[in-house]
Amino acid sequence: MSKKVVLLFAGQGAQVVGMGQNLPDQSLFAEADACLGYALSETMFRGPMEELTRTSRCQPALYVQGLALLKAFQARVPDLEIVAAAGLSLGEFTAHAAAGTFDFTTGLNLVARRGLFMEEACDATHGSMLAMLGGEESAVQQLAADCDVDMANFNTPGQIVLSGTKENIVRAAGMAKERGLRGKELPVAGAYHSRLMASAQAKLAAELAPLQLQTPRFPVIANLTAAPATDPTEIRRTLEHQVTGSVRWAQSMQYLLAQGHDHFLELGPGKTLAGMMNRIQAGTKVTTISDAATLEKAVEEFLA
């Protein structure tokens, strides 16, 4: 089997209590606790779920677990060839750390601050999100315009997420039904990837500005553009504007598929990204590593 893979890293919402606790190498979790000054690993391993779900906790938790899974896999499959990487929202930061754009602790502090800034923005606004299932993209765009909400996520063909004030999202849900569209309000803390996150974007920009960023060792696909961001100035811009901009996940995967990549390695809890890929292009090979058991299975698969 070819050992050429594209890395995919999970985004907020994938977190589960127990994540990371059964991995053989716990060094990154210990390093994260020391760096952050609190026991993030305790929340990851034992919860409670309410604490792990907090934006300021789940973002660094997913970042650490994604990189711990990659480290464990590379230790067992040292000739793994990474040809590109992408991450859903928060996962884009994990992808950059994997590519060496910044080191582990720099990225950890960055995502911890990002999570805190977004949590503060959620608390200061009254926002929500609406998943649109099916329907033409043009019809969803018109609905968003009519209800003054933003297009937050282009997850798969037929799944677009809208984001905005609670009042406007409720109005959009009602109007969607009237227009024969299916919409489901999501149980989220706020309006991610919308203009309601503007304060978080401004604070994140201040954190990104002084950082010395390196050219990634392999292409990292930006959510904002669905294309690689390689120049440090462009990386800063895409990571900053991603906070209020649309996550173009479907387009990002279509870009990677068009480059001829045919094996993807999902690193994080669950199989959300594998499921999305199946709806983007059915039959695409995605190997998911989320814990010790799936790690062993993946190692056997790659070494066979």
C-alpha atoms as a PDB file:
ATOM      1  CA  MET A   1       0.000   0.000   0.000  1.00  0.00           C
ATOM      2  CA  SER A   2       1.175   3.543  -0.750  1.00  0.00           C
ATOM      3  CA  LYS A   3       2.131   5.429   2.382  1.00  0.00           C
ATOM      4  CA  LYS A   4       1.301   8.799   0.809  1.00  0.00           C
ATOM      5  CA  VAL A   5      -1.503  10.463   2.766  1.00  0.00           C
ATOM      6  CA  VAL A   6      -3.307  13.746   3.264  1.00  0.00           C
ATOM      7  CA  LEU A   7      -3.831  14.570   6.949  1.00  0.00           C
ATOM      8  CA  LEU A   8      -7.291  15.708   8.086  1.00  0.00           C
ATOM      9  CA  PHE A   9      -7.792  17.210  11.547  1.00  0.00           C
ATOM     10  CA  ALA A  10     -11.090  17.446  13.435  1.00  0.00           C
ATOM     11  CA  GLY A  11     -12.865  20.651  14.389  1.00  0.00           C
ATOM     12  CA  GLN A  12     -14.902  21.834  17.342  1.00  0.00           C
ATOM     13  CA  GLY A  13     -17.864  19.579  18.084  1.00  0.00           C
ATOM     14  CA  ALA A  14     -15.896  16.332  17.693  1.00  0.00           C
ATOM     15  CA  GLN A  15     -14.684  16.282  21.318  1.00  0.00           C
ATOM     16  CA  VAL A  16     -15.579  13.332  23.588  1.00  0.00           C
ATOM     17  CA  VAL A  17     -14.716  12.608  27.206  1.00  0.00           C
ATOM     18  CA  GLY A  18     -11.871  10.073  27.314  1.00  0.00           C
ATOM     19  CA  MET A  19     -10.125  11.420  24.222  1.00  0.00           C
ATOM     20  CA  GLY A  20      -6.427  10.607  24.325  1.00  0.00           C
ATOM     21  CA  GLN A  21      -6.328   8.788  27.631  1.00  0.00           C
ATOM     22  CA  ASN A  22      -5.462   5.332  26.255  1.00  0.00           C
ATOM     23  CA  LEU A  23      -2.655   6.407  23.901  1.00  0.00           C
ATOM     24  CA  PRO A  24       0.696   4.796  24.754  1.00  0.00           C
ATOM     25  CA  ASP A  25       2.634   8.086  24.547  1.00  0.00           C
ATOM     26  CA  GLN A  26       1.257  10.726  26.941  1.00  0.00           C
ATOM     27  CA  SER A  27       4.128  13.211  26.552  1.00  0.00           C
ATOM     28  CA  LEU A  28       2.216  15.853  24.563  1.00  0.00           C
ATOM     29  CA  PHE A  29      -0.616  15.871  27.099  1.00  0.00           C
ATOM     30  CA  ALA A  30       1.856  16.477  29.940  1.00  0.00           C
ATOM     31  CA  GLU A  31       3.581  19.178  27.903  1.00  0.00           C
ATOM     32  CA  ALA A  32       0.228  20.854  27.216  1.00  0.00           C
ATOM     33  CA  ASP A  33      -0.725  20.871  30.908  1.00  0.00           C
ATOM     34  CA  ALA A  34       2.612  22.471  31.822  1.00  0.00           C
ATOM     35  CA  CYS A  35       2.350  25.032  29.027  1.00  0.00           C
ATOM     36  CA  LEU A  36      -1.239  26.067  29.778  1.00  0.00           C
ATOM     37  CA  GLY A  37      -0.872  26.063  33.552  1.00  0.00           C
ATOM     38  CA  TYR A  38      -3.940  23.894  34.143  1.00  0.00           C
ATOM     39  CA  ALA A  39      -4.802  20.201  33.737  1.00  0.00           C
ATOM     40  CA  LEU A  40      -6.314  20.152  30.249  1.00  0.00           C
ATOM     41  CA  SER A  41      -5.641  16.400  30.114  1.00  0.00           C
ATOM     42  CA  GLU A  42      -7.803  15.825  33.201  1.00  0.00           C
ATOM     43  CA  THR A  43     -10.757  17.455  31.428  1.00  0.00           C
ATOM     44  CA  MET A  44     -10.039  15.476  28.256  1.00  0.00           C
ATOM     45  CA  PHE A  45      -9.736  12.143  30.036  1.00  0.00           C
ATOM     46  CA  ARG A  46     -12.456  12.486  32.683  1.00  0.00           C
ATOM     47  CA  GLY A  47     -14.657  15.430  31.782  1.00  0.00           C
ATOM     48  CA  PRO A  48     -17.202  16.549  32.677  1.00  0.00           C
ATOM     49  CA  MET A  49     -18.522  16.979  29.146  1.00  0.00           C
ATOM     50  CA  GLU A  50     -19.859  20.464  29.972  1.00  0.00           C
ATOM     51  CA  GLU A  51     -16.310  21.627  30.736  1.00  0.00           C
ATOM     52  CA  LEU A  52     -14.765  19.884  27.714  1.00  0.00           C
ATOM     53  CA  THR A  53     -17.401  21.443  25.431  1.00  0.00           C
ATOM     54  CA  ARG A  54     -16.432  24.986  26.453  1.00  0.00           C
ATOM     55  CA  THR A  55     -14.859  26.671  23.436  1.00  0.00           C
ATOM     56  CA  SER A  56     -11.782  27.636  25.475  1.00  0.00           C
ATOM     57  CA  ARG A  57     -11.228  23.986  26.436  1.00  0.00           C
ATOM     58  CA  CYS A  58     -12.294  21.922  23.422  1.00  0.00           C
ATOM     59  CA  GLN A  59     -10.133  23.838  20.929  1.00  0.00           C
ATOM     60  CA  PRO A  60      -6.784  23.154  22.675  1.00  0.00           C
ATOM     61  CA  ALA A  61      -8.008  19.632  23.527  1.00  0.00           C
ATOM     62  CA  LEU A  62      -8.630  18.762  19.878  1.00  0.00           C
ATOM     63  CA  TYR A  63      -5.331  20.356  18.866  1.00  0.00           C
ATOM     64  CA  VAL A  64      -3.345  18.295  21.381  1.00  0.00           C
ATOM     65  CA  GLN A  65      -5.125  15.048  20.597  1.00  0.00           C
ATOM     66  CA  GLY A  66      -4.721  15.437  16.839  1.00  0.00           C
ATOM     67  CA  LEU A  67      -0.967  15.921  17.157  1.00  0.00           C
ATOM     68  CA  ALA A  68      -0.633  13.139  19.758  1.00  0.00           C
ATOM     69  CA  LEU A  69      -2.367  10.723  17.376  1.00  0.00           C
ATOM     70  CA  LEU A  70      -0.082  11.783  14.534  1.00  0.00           C
ATOM     71  CA  LYS A  71       3.030  11.401  16.714  1.00  0.00           C
ATOM     72  CA  ALA A  72       1.955   7.906  17.813  1.00  0.00           C
ATOM     73  CA  PHE A  73       1.240   6.841  14.235  1.00  0.00           C
ATOM     74  CA  GLN A  74       4.500   8.206  12.818  1.00  0.00           C
ATOM     75  CA  ALA A  75       6.423   6.358  15.538  1.00  0.00           C
ATOM     76  CA  ARG A  76       4.956   3.094  14.227  1.00  0.00           C
ATOM     77  CA  VAL A  77       4.992   4.007  10.517  1.00  0.00           C
ATOM     78  CA  PRO A  78       8.177   6.095  10.169  1.00  0.00           C
ATOM     79  CA  ASP A  79       8.146   6.084   6.358  1.00  0.00           C
ATOM     80  CA  LEU A  80       4.721   7.749   6.210  1.00  0.00           C
ATOM     81  CA  GLU A  81       4.774  10.392   3.461  1.00  0.00           C
ATOM     82  CA  ILE A  82       2.529  13.364   4.172  1.00  0.00           C
ATOM     83  CA  VAL A  83       1.654  15.134   0.926  1.00  0.00           C
ATOM     84  CA  ALA A  84      -0.830  17.732   2.238  1.00  0.00           C
ATOM     85  CA  ALA A  85      -3.037  18.577   5.220  1.00  0.00           C
ATOM     86  CA  ALA A  86      -6.307  20.285   6.048  1.00  0.00           C
ATOM     87  CA  GLY A  87      -8.346  20.836   9.181  1.00  0.00           C
ATOM     88  CA  LEU A  88     -11.940  21.822   9.825  1.00  0.00           C
ATOM     89  CA  SER A  89     -11.945  25.297  11.399  1.00  0.00           C
ATOM     90  CA  LEU A  90      -9.848  24.802  14.568  1.00  0.00           C
ATOM     91  CA  GLY A  91      -8.253  21.804  12.822  1.00  0.00           C
ATOM     92  CA  GLU A  92      -6.525  24.126  10.355  1.00  0.00           C
ATOM     93  CA  PHE A  93      -4.260  25.262  13.222  1.00  0.00           C
ATOM     94  CA  THR A  94      -3.474  21.607  14.026  1.00  0.00           C
ATOM     95  CA  ALA A  95      -2.611  21.055  10.365  1.00  0.00           C
ATOM     96  CA  HIS A  96      -0.176  23.978  10.428  1.00  0.00           C
ATOM     97  CA  ALA A  97       1.506  22.624  13.558  1.00  0.00           C
ATOM     98  CA  ALA A  98       1.874  19.240  11.848  1.00  0.00           C
ATOM     99  CA  ALA A  99       3.438  21.004   8.855  1.00  0.00           C
ATOM    100  CA  GLY A 100       5.917  22.939  11.020  1.00  0.00           C
ATOM    101  CA  THR A 101       4.442  26.388  10.370  1.00  0.00           C
ATOM    102  CA  PHE A 102       4.810  26.881  14.130  1.00  0.00           C
ATOM    103  CA  ASP A 103       5.928  24.577  16.931  1.00  0.00           C
ATOM    104  CA  PHE A 104       3.657  22.655  19.291  1.00  0.00           C
ATOM    105  CA  THR A 105       3.654  25.138  22.178  1.00  0.00           C
ATOM    106  CA  THR A 106       3.278  28.205  19.938  1.00  0.00           C
ATOM    107  CA  GLY A 107       0.261  26.597  18.280  1.00  0.00           C
ATOM    108  CA  LEU A 108      -1.158  25.466  21.611  1.00  0.00           C
ATOM    109  CA  ASN A 109      -1.021  28.955  23.081  1.00  0.00           C
ATOM    110  CA  LEU A 110      -2.539  30.322  19.875  1.00  0.00           C
ATOM    111  CA  VAL A 111      -5.525  27.955  19.848  1.00  0.00           C
ATOM    112  CA  ALA A 112      -6.051  28.388  23.596  1.00  0.00           C
ATOM    113  CA  ARG A 113      -6.289  32.155  23.061  1.00  0.00           C
ATOM    114  CA  ARG A 114      -8.462  31.689  19.971  1.00  0.00           C
ATOM    115  CA  GLY A 115     -10.856  29.493  21.961  1.00  0.00           C
ATOM    116  CA  LEU A 116     -11.005  32.031  24.784  1.00  0.00           C
ATOM    117  CA  PHE A 117     -11.623  34.925  22.381  1.00  0.00           C
ATOM    118  CA  MET A 118     -14.417  33.033  20.632  1.00  0.00           C
ATOM    119  CA  GLU A 119     -15.960  32.037  23.968  1.00  0.00           C
ATOM    120  CA  GLU A 120     -15.933  35.688  25.029  1.00  0.00           C
ATOM    121  CA  ALA A 121     -17.572  36.682  21.726  1.00  0.00           C
ATOM    122  CA  CYS A 122     -20.264  34.035  22.266  1.00  0.00           C
ATOM    123  CA  ASP A 123     -20.962  35.372  25.757  1.00  0.00           C
ATOM    124  CA  ALA A 124     -21.179  38.949  24.485  1.00  0.00           C
ATOM    125  CA  THR A 125     -23.603  38.150  21.646  1.00  0.00           C
ATOM    126  CA  HIS A 126     -26.753  36.070  21.305  1.00  0.00           C
ATOM    127  CA  GLY A 127     -26.032  33.875  18.325  1.00  0.00           C
ATOM    128  CA  SER A 128     -26.943  30.504  16.874  1.00  0.00           C
ATOM    129  CA  MET A 129     -26.424  28.337  13.778  1.00  0.00           C
ATOM    130  CA  LEU A 130     -28.729  26.558  11.342  1.00  0.00           C
ATOM    131  CA  ALA A 131     -27.741  23.497   9.300  1.00  0.00           C
ATOM    132  CA  MET A 132     -29.397  23.462   5.902  1.00  0.00           C
ATOM    133  CA  LEU A 133     -29.874  19.937   4.586  1.00  0.00           C
ATOM    134  CA  GLY A 134     -30.368  19.633   0.858  1.00  0.00           C
ATOM    135  CA  GLY A 135     -31.575  22.451  -1.339  1.00  0.00           C
ATOM    136  CA  GLU A 136     -29.707  24.367  -4.018  1.00  0.00           C
ATOM    137  CA  GLU A 137     -26.816  26.529  -2.851  1.00  0.00           C
ATOM    138  CA  SER A 138     -28.367  29.541  -4.560  1.00  0.00           C
ATOM    139  CA  ALA A 139     -31.593  29.053  -2.571  1.00  0.00           C
ATOM    140  CA  VAL A 140     -29.644  28.864   0.704  1.00  0.00           C
ATOM    141  CA  GLN A 141     -27.657  31.976  -0.235  1.00  0.00           C
ATOM    142  CA  GLN A 142     -30.901  33.840  -0.921  1.00  0.00           C
ATOM    143  CA  LEU A 143     -32.297  32.690   2.433  1.00  0.00           C
ATOM    144  CA  ALA A 144     -29.154  33.930   4.201  1.00  0.00           C
ATOM    145  CA  ALA A 145     -29.407  37.305   2.485  1.00  0.00           C
ATOM    146  CA  ASP A 146     -33.121  37.660   3.249  1.00  0.00           C
ATOM    147  CA  CYS A 147     -32.585  36.856   6.939  1.00  0.00           C
ATOM    148  CA  ASP A 148     -29.312  38.780   7.353  1.00  0.00           C
ATOM    149  CA  VAL A 149     -27.231  35.784   8.431  1.00  0.00           C
ATOM    150  CA  ASP A 150     -23.861  34.523   7.215  1.00  0.00           C
ATOM    151  CA  MET A 151     -22.815  31.402   5.293  1.00  0.00           C
ATOM    152  CA  ALA A 152     -20.623  29.752   7.934  1.00  0.00           C
ATOM    153  CA  ASN A 153     -19.797  26.285   6.584  1.00  0.00           C
ATOM    154  CA  PHE A 154     -19.900  24.625   3.188  1.00  0.00           C
ATOM    155  CA  ASN A 155     -19.463  21.127   4.637  1.00  0.00           C
ATOM    156  CA  THR A 156     -20.625  18.895   1.792  1.00  0.00           C
ATOM    157  CA  PRO A 157     -22.807  19.228  -1.284  1.00  0.00           C
ATOM    158  CA  GLY A 158     -26.252  19.663   0.246  1.00  0.00           C
ATOM    159  CA  GLN A 159     -25.034  20.684   3.727  1.00  0.00           C
ATOM    160  CA  ILE A 160     -24.483  24.385   4.358  1.00  0.00           C
ATOM    161  CA  VAL A 161     -24.522  25.955   7.825  1.00  0.00           C
ATOM    162  CA  LEU A 162     -25.857  29.455   8.440  1.00  0.00           C
ATOM    163  CA  SER A 163     -24.748  31.602  11.382  1.00  0.00           C
ATOM    164  CA  GLY A 164     -26.062  34.789  12.952  1.00  0.00           C
ATOM    165  CA  THR A 165     -28.133  36.299  15.727  1.00  0.00           C
ATOM    166  CA  LYS A 166     -30.547  33.957  17.485  1.00  0.00           C
ATOM    167  CA  GLU A 167     -33.475  36.053  16.280  1.00  0.00           C
ATOM    168  CA  ASN A 168     -32.402  35.887  12.642  1.00  0.00           C
ATOM    169  CA  ILE A 169     -31.574  32.171  12.773  1.00  0.00           C
ATOM    170  CA  VAL A 170     -35.058  31.407  14.147  1.00  0.00           C
ATOM    171  CA  ARG A 171     -36.503  33.560  11.361  1.00  0.00           C
ATOM    172  CA  ALA A 172     -34.375  31.717   8.786  1.00  0.00           C
ATOM    173  CA  ALA A 173     -35.599  28.349  10.098  1.00  0.00           C
ATOM    174  CA  GLY A 174     -39.202  29.439   9.677  1.00  0.00           C
ATOM    175  CA  MET A 175     -38.623  30.945   6.254  1.00  0.00           C
ATOM    176  CA  ALA A 176     -36.744  27.825   5.122  1.00  0.00           C
ATOM    177  CA  LYS A 177     -39.792  25.702   5.930  1.00  0.00           C
ATOM    178  CA  GLU A 178     -42.032  28.067   3.982  1.00  0.00           C
ATOM    179  CA  ARG A 179     -39.726  27.720   0.965  1.00  0.00           C
ATOM    180  CA  GLY A 180     -39.598  23.931   1.105  1.00  0.00           C
ATOM    181  CA  LEU A 181     -36.065  23.824   2.526  1.00  0.00           C
ATOM    182  CA  ARG A 182     -34.924  21.703   5.485  1.00  0.00           C
ATOM    183  CA  GLY A 183     -33.161  23.499   8.300  1.00  0.00           C
ATOM    184  CA  LYS A 184     -32.078  22.285  11.737  1.00  0.00           C
ATOM    185  CA  GLU A 185     -30.911  24.653  14.467  1.00  0.00           C
ATOM    186  CA  LEU A 186     -27.685  23.423  16.050  1.00  0.00           C
ATOM    187  CA  PRO A 187     -27.001  23.184  19.817  1.00  0.00           C
ATOM    188  CA  VAL A 188     -24.023  25.577  19.811  1.00  0.00           C
ATOM    189  CA  ALA A 189     -22.845  28.331  22.159  1.00  0.00           C
ATOM    190  CA  GLY A 190     -22.870  31.046  19.533  1.00  0.00           C
ATOM    191  CA  ALA A 191     -22.618  32.172  15.934  1.00  0.00           C
ATOM    192  CA  TYR A 192     -19.258  30.790  14.829  1.00  0.00           C
ATOM    193  CA  HIS A 193     -17.807  31.906  11.475  1.00  0.00           C
ATOM    194  CA  SER A 194     -20.058  34.948  11.315  1.00  0.00           C
ATOM    195  CA  ARG A 195     -19.719  38.692  11.829  1.00  0.00           C
ATOM    196  CA  LEU A 196     -20.636  38.127  15.510  1.00  0.00           C
ATOM    197  CA  MET A 197     -17.080  36.771  15.954  1.00  0.00           C
ATOM    198  CA  ALA A 198     -15.495  40.083  14.848  1.00  0.00           C
ATOM    199  CA  SER A 199     -14.111  40.845  18.322  1.00  0.00           C
ATOM    200  CA  ALA A 200     -12.439  37.415  18.452  1.00  0.00           C
ATOM    201  CA  GLN A 201     -10.927  37.966  15.003  1.00  0.00           C
ATOM    202  CA  ALA A 202      -9.400  41.300  16.039  1.00  0.00           C
ATOM    203  CA  LYS A 203      -7.861  39.777  19.190  1.00  0.00           C
ATOM    204  CA  LEU A 204      -6.525  36.775  17.254  1.00  0.00           C
ATOM    205  CA  ALA A 205      -4.942  39.106  14.685  1.00  0.00           C
ATOM    206  CA  ALA A 206      -2.976  40.750  17.506  1.00  0.00           C
ATOM    207  CA  GLU A 207      -1.744  37.317  18.640  1.00  0.00           C
ATOM    208  CA  LEU A 208      -0.732  36.288  15.105  1.00  0.00           C
ATOM    209  CA  ALA A 209       1.055  39.527  14.189  1.00  0.00           C
ATOM    210  CA  PRO A 210       4.334  39.011  16.115  1.00  0.00           C
ATOM    211  CA  LEU A 211       4.694  35.274  15.452  1.00  0.00           C
ATOM    212  CA  GLN A 212       7.559  33.992  13.335  1.00  0.00           C
ATOM    213  CA  LEU A 213       5.872  31.581  10.934  1.00  0.00           C
ATOM    214  CA  GLN A 214       7.733  29.086   8.776  1.00  0.00           C
ATOM    215  CA  THR A 215       6.839  27.904   5.277  1.00  0.00           C
ATOM    216  CA  PRO A 216       4.870  24.641   5.795  1.00  0.00           C
ATOM    217  CA  ARG A 217       6.752  21.431   4.920  1.00  0.00           C
ATOM    218  CA  PHE A 218       3.733  20.337   2.870  1.00  0.00           C
ATOM    219  CA  PRO A 219       0.676  22.209   1.552  1.00  0.00           C
ATOM    220  CA  VAL A 220      -1.917  23.198   4.169  1.00  0.00           C
ATOM    221  CA  ILE A 221      -5.308  24.015   2.681  1.00  0.00           C
ATOM    222  CA  ALA A 222      -6.912  27.179   4.040  1.00  0.00           C
ATOM    223  CA  ASN A 223     -10.597  26.997   4.969  1.00  0.00           C
ATOM    224  CA  LEU A 224     -11.036  30.571   3.758  1.00  0.00           C
ATOM    225  CA  THR A 225      -9.798  30.017   0.186  1.00  0.00           C
ATOM    226  CA  ALA A 226      -9.939  26.215  -0.304  1.00  0.00           C
ATOM    227  CA  ALA A 227      -6.350  26.470  -1.578  1.00  0.00           C
ATOM    228  CA  PRO A 228      -2.869  26.161  -0.036  1.00  0.00           C
ATOM    229  CA  ALA A 229      -1.553  29.033   2.096  1.00  0.00           C
ATOM    230  CA  THR A 230       2.259  28.942   1.999  1.00  0.00           C
ATOM    231  CA  ASP A 231       3.551  32.492   2.494  1.00  0.00           C
ATOM    232  CA  PRO A 232       3.617  33.593   6.193  1.00  0.00           C
ATOM    233  CA  THR A 233       1.661  36.762   5.380  1.00  0.00           C
ATOM    234  CA  GLU A 234      -1.040  34.736   3.620  1.00  0.00           C
ATOM    235  CA  ILE A 235      -1.129  32.191   6.467  1.00  0.00           C
ATOM    236  CA  ARG A 236      -1.712  34.968   9.009  1.00  0.00           C
ATOM    237  CA  ARG A 237      -4.464  36.454   6.826  1.00  0.00           C
ATOM    238  CA  THR A 238      -6.284  33.164   6.291  1.00  0.00           C
ATOM    239  CA  LEU A 239      -6.084  32.088   9.943  1.00  0.00           C
ATOM    240  CA  GLU A 240      -7.299  35.498  11.092  1.00  0.00           C
ATOM    241  CA  HIS A 241     -10.193  35.913   8.652  1.00  0.00           C
ATOM    242  CA  GLN A 242     -11.281  32.295   9.073  1.00  0.00           C
ATOM    243  CA  VAL A 243     -12.846  33.326  12.425  1.00  0.00           C
ATOM    244  CA  THR A 244     -15.590  35.322  10.700  1.00  0.00           C
ATOM    245  CA  GLY A 245     -15.268  33.798   7.220  1.00  0.00           C
ATOM    246  CA  SER A 246     -16.838  30.753   5.616  1.00  0.00           C
ATOM    247  CA  VAL A 247     -15.308  27.308   6.120  1.00  0.00           C
ATOM    248  CA  ARG A 248     -15.096  25.983   2.554  1.00  0.00           C
ATOM    249  CA  TRP A 249     -14.591  22.351   3.506  1.00  0.00           C
ATOM    250  CA  ALA A 250     -16.289  20.735   0.522  1.00  0.00           C
ATOM    251  CA  GLN A 251     -14.308  22.934  -1.855  1.00  0.00           C
ATOM    252  CA  SER A 252     -11.079  22.168   0.058  1.00  0.00           C
ATOM    253  CA  MET A 253     -11.604  18.424  -0.312  1.00  0.00           C
ATOM    254  CA  GLN A 254     -12.524  18.833  -3.976  1.00  0.00           C
ATOM    255  CA  TYR A 255      -9.271  20.743  -4.493  1.00  0.00           C
ATOM    256  CA  LEU A 256      -7.240  17.925  -2.893  1.00  0.00           C
ATOM    257  CA  LEU A 257      -9.053  15.262  -4.903  1.00  0.00           C
ATOM    258  CA  ALA A 258      -8.400  17.227  -8.100  1.00  0.00           C
ATOM    259  CA  GLN A 259      -4.670  17.131  -7.261  1.00  0.00           C
ATOM    260  CA  GLY A 260      -4.870  13.345  -7.497  1.00  0.00           C
ATOM    261  CA  HIS A 261      -4.705  12.596  -3.761  1.00  0.00           C
ATOM    262  CA  ASP A 262      -6.625   9.418  -2.983  1.00  0.00           C
ATOM    263  CA  HIS A 263      -5.797   8.428   0.625  1.00  0.00           C
ATOM    264  CA  PHE A 264      -6.727  10.573   3.616  1.00  0.00           C
ATOM    265  CA  LEU A 265      -5.822  10.074   7.284  1.00  0.00           C
ATOM    266  CA  GLU A 266      -8.370  11.521   9.736  1.00  0.00           C
ATOM    267  CA  LEU A 267      -6.916  12.326  13.165  1.00  0.00           C
ATOM    268  CA  GLY A 268      -9.375  13.137  15.952  1.00  0.00           C
ATOM    269  CA  PRO A 269     -12.446  11.815  17.756  1.00  0.00           C
ATOM    270  CA  GLY A 270     -15.117  10.089  15.680  1.00  0.00           C
ATOM    271  CA  LYS A 271     -15.459   9.796  11.913  1.00  0.00           C
ATOM    272  CA  THR A 272     -17.043  13.136  11.050  1.00  0.00           C
ATOM    273  CA  LEU A 273     -14.549  14.028   8.323  1.00  0.00           C
ATOM    274  CA  ALA A 274     -14.692  10.540   6.802  1.00  0.00           C
ATOM    275  CA  GLY A 275     -18.468  10.861   6.663  1.00  0.00           C
ATOM    276  CA  MET A 276     -18.219  14.236   4.966  1.00  0.00           C
ATOM    277  CA  MET A 277     -15.738  12.877   2.437  1.00  0.00           C
ATOM    278  CA  ASN A 278     -18.138  10.066   1.561  1.00  0.00           C
ATOM    279  CA  ARG A 279     -20.733  12.703   0.670  1.00  0.00           C
ATOM    280  CA  ILE A 280     -18.195  14.792  -1.269  1.00  0.00           C
ATOM    281  CA  GLN A 281     -16.818  11.871  -3.290  1.00  0.00           C
ATOM    282  CA  ALA A 282     -18.103   8.428  -2.359  1.00  0.00           C
ATOM    283  CA  GLY A 283     -15.525   5.674  -2.259  1.00  0.00           C
ATOM    284  CA  THR A 284     -12.572   7.895  -1.314  1.00  0.00           C
ATOM    285  CA  LYS A 285     -10.170   6.086   1.014  1.00  0.00           C
ATOM    286  CA  VAL A 286     -10.175   7.632   4.510  1.00  0.00           C
ATOM    287  CA  THR A 287      -8.403   5.933   7.422  1.00  0.00           C
ATOM    288  CA  THR A 288      -9.583   7.251  10.801  1.00  0.00           C
ATOM    289  CA  ILE A 289      -7.419   7.246  13.930  1.00  0.00           C
ATOM    290  CA  SER A 290      -9.227   8.366  17.063  1.00  0.00           C
ATOM    291  CA  ASP A 291      -7.866   6.178  19.909  1.00  0.00           C
ATOM    292  CA  ALA A 292      -5.500   3.296  20.708  1.00  0.00           C
ATOM    293  CA  ALA A 293      -7.681   0.670  19.019  1.00  0.00           C
ATOM    294  CA  THR A 294      -8.029   2.543  15.723  1.00  0.00           C
ATOM    295  CA  LEU A 295      -4.320   3.403  15.908  1.00  0.00           C
ATOM    296  CA  GLU A 296      -3.440  -0.304  15.993  1.00  0.00           C
ATOM    297  CA  LYS A 297      -5.821  -1.034  13.140  1.00  0.00           C
ATOM    298  CA  ALA A 298      -4.318   1.742  11.008  1.00  0.00           C
ATOM    299  CA  VAL A 299      -0.764   0.577  11.727  1.00  0.00           C
ATOM    300  CA  GLU A 300      -1.668  -2.959  10.607  1.00  0.00           C
ATOM    301  CA  GLU A 301      -3.282  -1.562   7.468  1.00  0.00           C
ATOM    302  CA  PHE A 302      -0.268   0.562   6.518  1.00  0.00           C
ATOM    303  CA  LEU A 303       2.331  -2.085   7.309  1.00  0.00           C
ATOM    304  CA  ALA A 304       0.478  -4.885   5.514  1.00  0.00           C
END
